[in-house]
Amino acid sequence: MEASKQTIQQIERTLRKVIAKFPAEAEPVMTDIHLLVSNYTGEIRTYNDDDEELDRCVVEEWIKSADEDFYEDIVPILRRCIESLRPSIEKMSIMQPFSFVLIDEDHETLQDLVIIDTEETVMLDTALLDGLEEDLDAFMKQLLEE
């Protein structure tokens, strides 16, 4: 899925509004930024850890999207928008490291989009972590059997 220039501008405008709610000179808080995207309404809502809404916008081209891979397809678009604002984001009055997280209607995590950490924490792609728990369980079972 390609995003139009208008879509990118809408997302970045919403992110700028979120950034403005955490001015650099304010006392730092501990929170992540959660993005809830509806493929039916095209709405993007942003929340803090306390489920307080920070801002929202509607992406016209995402309204009533029938794309099966909608959430997978929007991840690179959201990441690109976040990364384009990274210098401002790094100055937000949020304790680092903090994340931008894509969530579902139940506020459950779908995908970590970006981790912001000026100390350069490395974030592994979640595809690398798929099946890790099962591998560790199998390894533990084998150790206990010996």
Protein backbone atom coordinates (compact mmCIF):
# COMPACT_ATOMS: atom_id res chain seq x y z
CA MET A 1 0.00 0.00 0.00
CA GLU A 2 1.33 3.39 -0.97
CA ALA A 3 0.36 6.45 1.01
CA SER A 4 -0.56 9.68 -0.71
CA LYS A 5 1.14 12.94 0.16
CA GLN A 6 -2.07 14.02 1.88
CA THR A 7 -2.08 10.88 4.06
CA ILE A 8 1.53 11.45 5.11
CA GLN A 9 0.72 15.07 5.95
CA GLN A 10 -2.32 14.06 8.04
CA ILE A 11 -0.34 11.50 10.02
CA GLU A 12 2.57 13.89 10.57
CA ARG A 13 0.17 16.68 11.64
CA THR A 14 -1.33 14.37 14.27
CA LEU A 15 2.12 13.35 15.46
CA ARG A 16 3.14 17.01 15.74
CA LYS A 17 0.10 17.64 17.94
CA VAL A 18 1.16 14.74 20.17
CA ILE A 19 4.73 16.08 20.29
CA ALA A 20 3.38 19.50 21.36
CA LYS A 21 1.68 17.86 24.36
CA PHE A 22 5.11 16.85 25.68
CA PRO A 23 7.25 20.01 25.43
CA ALA A 24 10.96 19.55 26.05
CA GLU A 25 10.97 21.95 29.00
CA ALA A 26 8.23 20.04 30.89
CA GLU A 27 8.87 17.50 33.63
CA PRO A 28 9.48 14.12 31.94
CA VAL A 29 6.77 11.49 32.24
CA MET A 30 6.92 7.76 31.72
CA THR A 31 4.65 6.63 28.90
CA ASP A 32 4.55 5.13 25.46
CA ILE A 33 2.53 6.53 22.57
CA HIS A 34 -0.16 4.15 21.31
CA LEU A 35 -1.72 4.45 17.86
CA LEU A 36 -5.10 2.87 17.24
CA VAL A 37 -5.98 2.75 13.53
CA SER A 38 -9.42 1.75 12.28
CA ASN A 39 -9.57 0.32 8.79
CA TYR A 40 -13.32 0.92 8.80
CA THR A 41 -13.42 4.62 9.75
CA GLY A 42 -9.88 5.52 8.66
CA GLU A 43 -9.38 7.10 12.05
CA ILE A 44 -6.04 7.25 13.85
CA ARG A 45 -6.27 7.85 17.58
CA THR A 46 -3.23 8.40 19.76
CA TYR A 47 -3.14 7.53 23.46
CA ASN A 48 -0.75 7.54 26.38
CA ASP A 49 -0.28 4.60 28.77
CA ASP A 50 -3.31 5.72 30.80
CA ASP A 51 -5.55 5.40 27.72
CA GLU A 52 -5.99 9.17 27.62
CA GLU A 53 -6.57 10.29 24.06
CA LEU A 54 -3.90 12.68 22.86
CA ASP A 55 -5.15 13.40 19.34
CA ARG A 56 -7.00 11.91 16.37
CA CYS A 57 -7.34 12.32 12.64
CA VAL A 58 -9.10 10.59 9.75
CA VAL A 59 -7.13 9.23 6.82
CA GLU A 60 -9.60 9.40 3.94
CA GLU A 61 -7.93 6.74 1.81
CA TRP A 62 -8.07 4.21 4.66
CA ILE A 63 -11.85 4.50 5.18
CA LYS A 64 -13.55 1.13 4.71
CA SER A 65 -10.32 -0.53 3.63
CA ALA A 66 -10.97 -4.14 2.63
CA ASP A 67 -7.27 -4.94 2.45
CA GLU A 68 -6.62 -8.21 4.32
CA ASP A 69 -3.12 -7.06 5.20
CA PHE A 70 -4.20 -3.57 6.21
CA TYR A 71 -2.33 -3.45 9.52
CA GLU A 72 0.82 -4.99 8.04
CA ASP A 73 0.67 -2.52 5.15
CA ILE A 74 0.33 0.60 7.31
CA VAL A 75 3.26 -0.24 9.61
CA PRO A 76 5.95 1.04 7.19
CA ILE A 77 3.91 4.19 6.53
CA LEU A 78 3.55 4.94 10.25
CA ARG A 79 7.22 4.19 10.86
CA ARG A 80 8.28 6.51 8.05
CA CYS A 81 6.15 9.34 9.49
CA ILE A 82 7.54 8.81 12.99
CA GLU A 83 11.12 8.67 11.73
CA SER A 84 10.66 11.87 9.72
CA LEU A 85 9.83 13.68 12.99
CA ARG A 86 12.47 11.91 15.08
CA PRO A 87 14.52 15.01 16.01
CA SER A 88 11.42 16.60 17.57
CA ILE A 89 10.27 13.31 19.06
CA GLU A 90 13.60 12.77 20.81
CA LYS A 91 13.13 16.11 22.60
CA MET A 92 9.69 15.18 23.99
CA SER A 93 9.38 15.24 27.77
CA ILE A 94 8.96 11.48 27.93
CA MET A 95 11.51 9.32 29.74
CA GLN A 96 13.54 7.26 27.33
CA PRO A 97 13.37 4.64 26.10
CA PHE A 98 9.77 4.91 24.96
CA SER A 99 7.87 3.39 22.08
CA PHE A 100 5.31 4.16 19.47
CA VAL A 101 3.01 1.15 19.46
CA LEU A 102 0.26 0.10 17.04
CA ILE A 103 -2.71 -1.22 19.03
CA ASP A 104 -6.06 -2.82 18.22
CA GLU A 105 -9.59 -1.89 19.34
CA ASP A 106 -9.00 -3.70 22.67
CA HIS A 107 -5.80 -1.68 23.17
CA GLU A 108 -3.70 -4.81 22.76
CA THR A 109 -0.32 -4.40 21.07
CA LEU A 110 -0.22 -5.36 17.40
CA GLN A 111 3.26 -4.09 16.62
CA ASP A 112 6.02 -1.99 18.17
CA LEU A 113 6.60 0.66 15.53
CA VAL A 114 9.63 2.57 16.81
CA ILE A 115 11.62 2.71 20.02
CA ILE A 116 12.99 6.15 20.85
CA ASP A 117 16.22 5.98 22.80
CA THR A 118 19.09 8.39 22.34
CA GLU A 119 21.27 5.76 24.04
CA GLU A 120 20.80 3.68 20.87
CA THR A 121 18.88 0.68 22.14
CA VAL A 122 18.61 -1.84 19.32
CA MET A 123 15.14 -3.13 18.46
CA LEU A 124 14.98 -6.52 16.82
CA ASP A 125 12.44 -7.07 14.09
CA THR A 126 9.55 -9.06 15.52
CA ALA A 127 9.93 -11.58 12.68
CA LEU A 128 13.23 -12.60 14.29
CA LEU A 129 11.43 -13.27 17.56
CA ASP A 130 8.61 -15.38 16.10
CA GLY A 131 8.72 -18.85 17.64
CA LEU A 132 11.34 -17.88 20.23
CA GLU A 133 9.10 -18.83 23.15
CA GLU A 134 8.44 -22.29 21.68
CA ASP A 135 12.17 -22.79 21.06
CA LEU A 136 12.97 -21.81 24.64
CA ASP A 137 10.25 -24.13 25.99
CA ALA A 138 11.61 -27.03 23.92
CA PHE A 139 15.15 -26.26 25.10
CA MET A 140 14.02 -26.15 28.74
CA LYS A 141 12.11 -29.41 28.36
CA GLN A 142 15.19 -31.07 26.89
CA LEU A 143 17.36 -29.80 29.78
CA LEU A 144 14.90 -31.09 32.38
CA GLU A 145 14.75 -34.51 30.74
CA GLU A 146 18.52 -34.89 30.90
